[in-house]
Amino acid sequence: MADPVHEIEFRRPLCITLEGRSKRAVPLLQVRKGSRFHARVVPYHKGAAEFADIYFEGGAVAREVAFAFFSFVDDPAA
């Protein structure tokens, strides 16, 4: 079963490298604070920090994005 699609909002400005369907990095995406996207979020831990791979609509993927940079819009604590 595929992970559900969520609306996420970035909490601060961030430049992220997107991986395309061909697995090659594409130009950086400059994300502004407050930007919202629909995406699948696949969380994992690296040591004490929590990260996620974010699968955007259209097939691009941002890897190793720290949870500190975004929140779920439907989360009342966001």
Protein backbone atom coordinates (compact mmCIF):
# COMPACT_ATOMS: atom_id res chain seq x y z
CA MET A 1 0.00 0.00 0.00
CA ALA A 2 1.37 3.41 -0.98
CA ASP A 3 1.95 6.13 1.59
CA PRO A 4 -0.87 8.71 1.65
CA VAL A 5 -0.45 12.15 0.09
CA HIS A 6 -0.31 15.01 2.60
CA GLU A 7 -0.29 18.76 2.30
CA ILE A 8 2.94 20.03 3.84
CA GLU A 9 4.10 23.55 4.61
CA PHE A 10 7.70 24.65 4.85
CA ARG A 11 8.51 26.46 8.09
CA ARG A 12 11.55 28.32 6.79
CA PRO A 13 13.32 29.06 3.50
CA LEU A 14 15.21 26.12 2.08
CA CYS A 15 17.06 25.07 -1.08
CA ILE A 16 16.56 21.41 -1.90
CA THR A 17 17.98 19.28 -4.67
CA LEU A 18 15.33 17.35 -6.52
CA GLU A 19 15.90 13.91 -7.93
CA GLY A 20 13.99 13.25 -11.14
CA ARG A 21 12.60 10.00 -12.43
CA SER A 22 15.99 9.23 -14.01
CA LYS A 23 17.61 9.36 -10.50
CA ARG A 24 19.80 12.29 -11.54
CA ALA A 25 19.78 15.50 -9.55
CA VAL A 26 17.97 18.40 -11.19
CA PRO A 27 18.33 22.10 -10.39
CA LEU A 28 17.76 23.28 -6.85
CA LEU A 29 14.27 24.19 -5.77
CA GLN A 30 14.18 27.33 -3.67
CA VAL A 31 11.34 26.97 -1.21
CA ARG A 32 9.99 29.99 0.63
CA LYS A 33 8.69 29.94 4.18
CA GLY A 34 4.96 29.18 4.05
CA SER A 35 5.13 27.32 0.69
CA ARG A 36 2.70 24.41 0.54
CA PHE A 37 2.91 21.24 -1.53
CA HIS A 38 1.03 17.97 -1.85
CA ALA A 39 3.44 15.09 -1.44
CA ARG A 40 4.05 11.63 -0.03
CA VAL A 41 6.31 11.80 3.02
CA VAL A 42 8.44 8.79 3.94
CA PRO A 43 9.98 9.36 7.40
CA TYR A 44 13.08 7.77 8.91
CA HIS A 45 15.68 8.42 11.61
CA LYS A 46 19.41 9.10 11.29
CA GLY A 47 20.73 9.00 14.81
CA ALA A 48 18.56 11.26 16.95
CA ALA A 49 17.31 13.36 14.01
CA GLU A 50 14.15 12.66 12.01
CA PHE A 51 14.24 13.06 8.24
CA ALA A 52 11.94 12.33 5.33
CA ASP A 53 12.11 11.64 1.63
CA ILE A 54 9.44 13.84 0.05
CA TYR A 55 7.82 12.58 -3.16
CA PHE A 56 6.23 15.53 -4.94
CA GLU A 57 3.43 15.33 -7.48
CA GLY A 58 5.00 14.95 -10.91
CA GLY A 59 7.62 12.46 -9.77
CA ALA A 60 10.39 14.62 -8.26
CA VAL A 61 11.90 13.51 -4.95
CA ALA A 62 13.67 15.53 -2.25
CA ARG A 63 15.78 13.26 -0.06
CA GLU A 64 16.90 13.69 3.56
CA VAL A 65 14.73 16.71 4.40
CA ALA A 66 14.78 17.35 8.15
CA PHE A 67 11.38 17.42 9.80
CA ALA A 68 12.38 20.74 11.38
CA PHE A 69 11.92 22.37 7.96
CA PHE A 70 8.29 21.39 7.32
CA SER A 71 5.02 20.45 8.99
CA PHE A 72 1.81 18.73 7.99
CA VAL A 73 -0.94 21.24 7.28
CA ASP A 74 -3.65 18.98 8.70
CA ASP A 75 -1.69 18.65 11.97
CA PRO A 76 -3.27 20.95 14.60
CA ALA A 77 0.14 21.28 16.33
CA ALA A 78 1.76 22.64 13.14
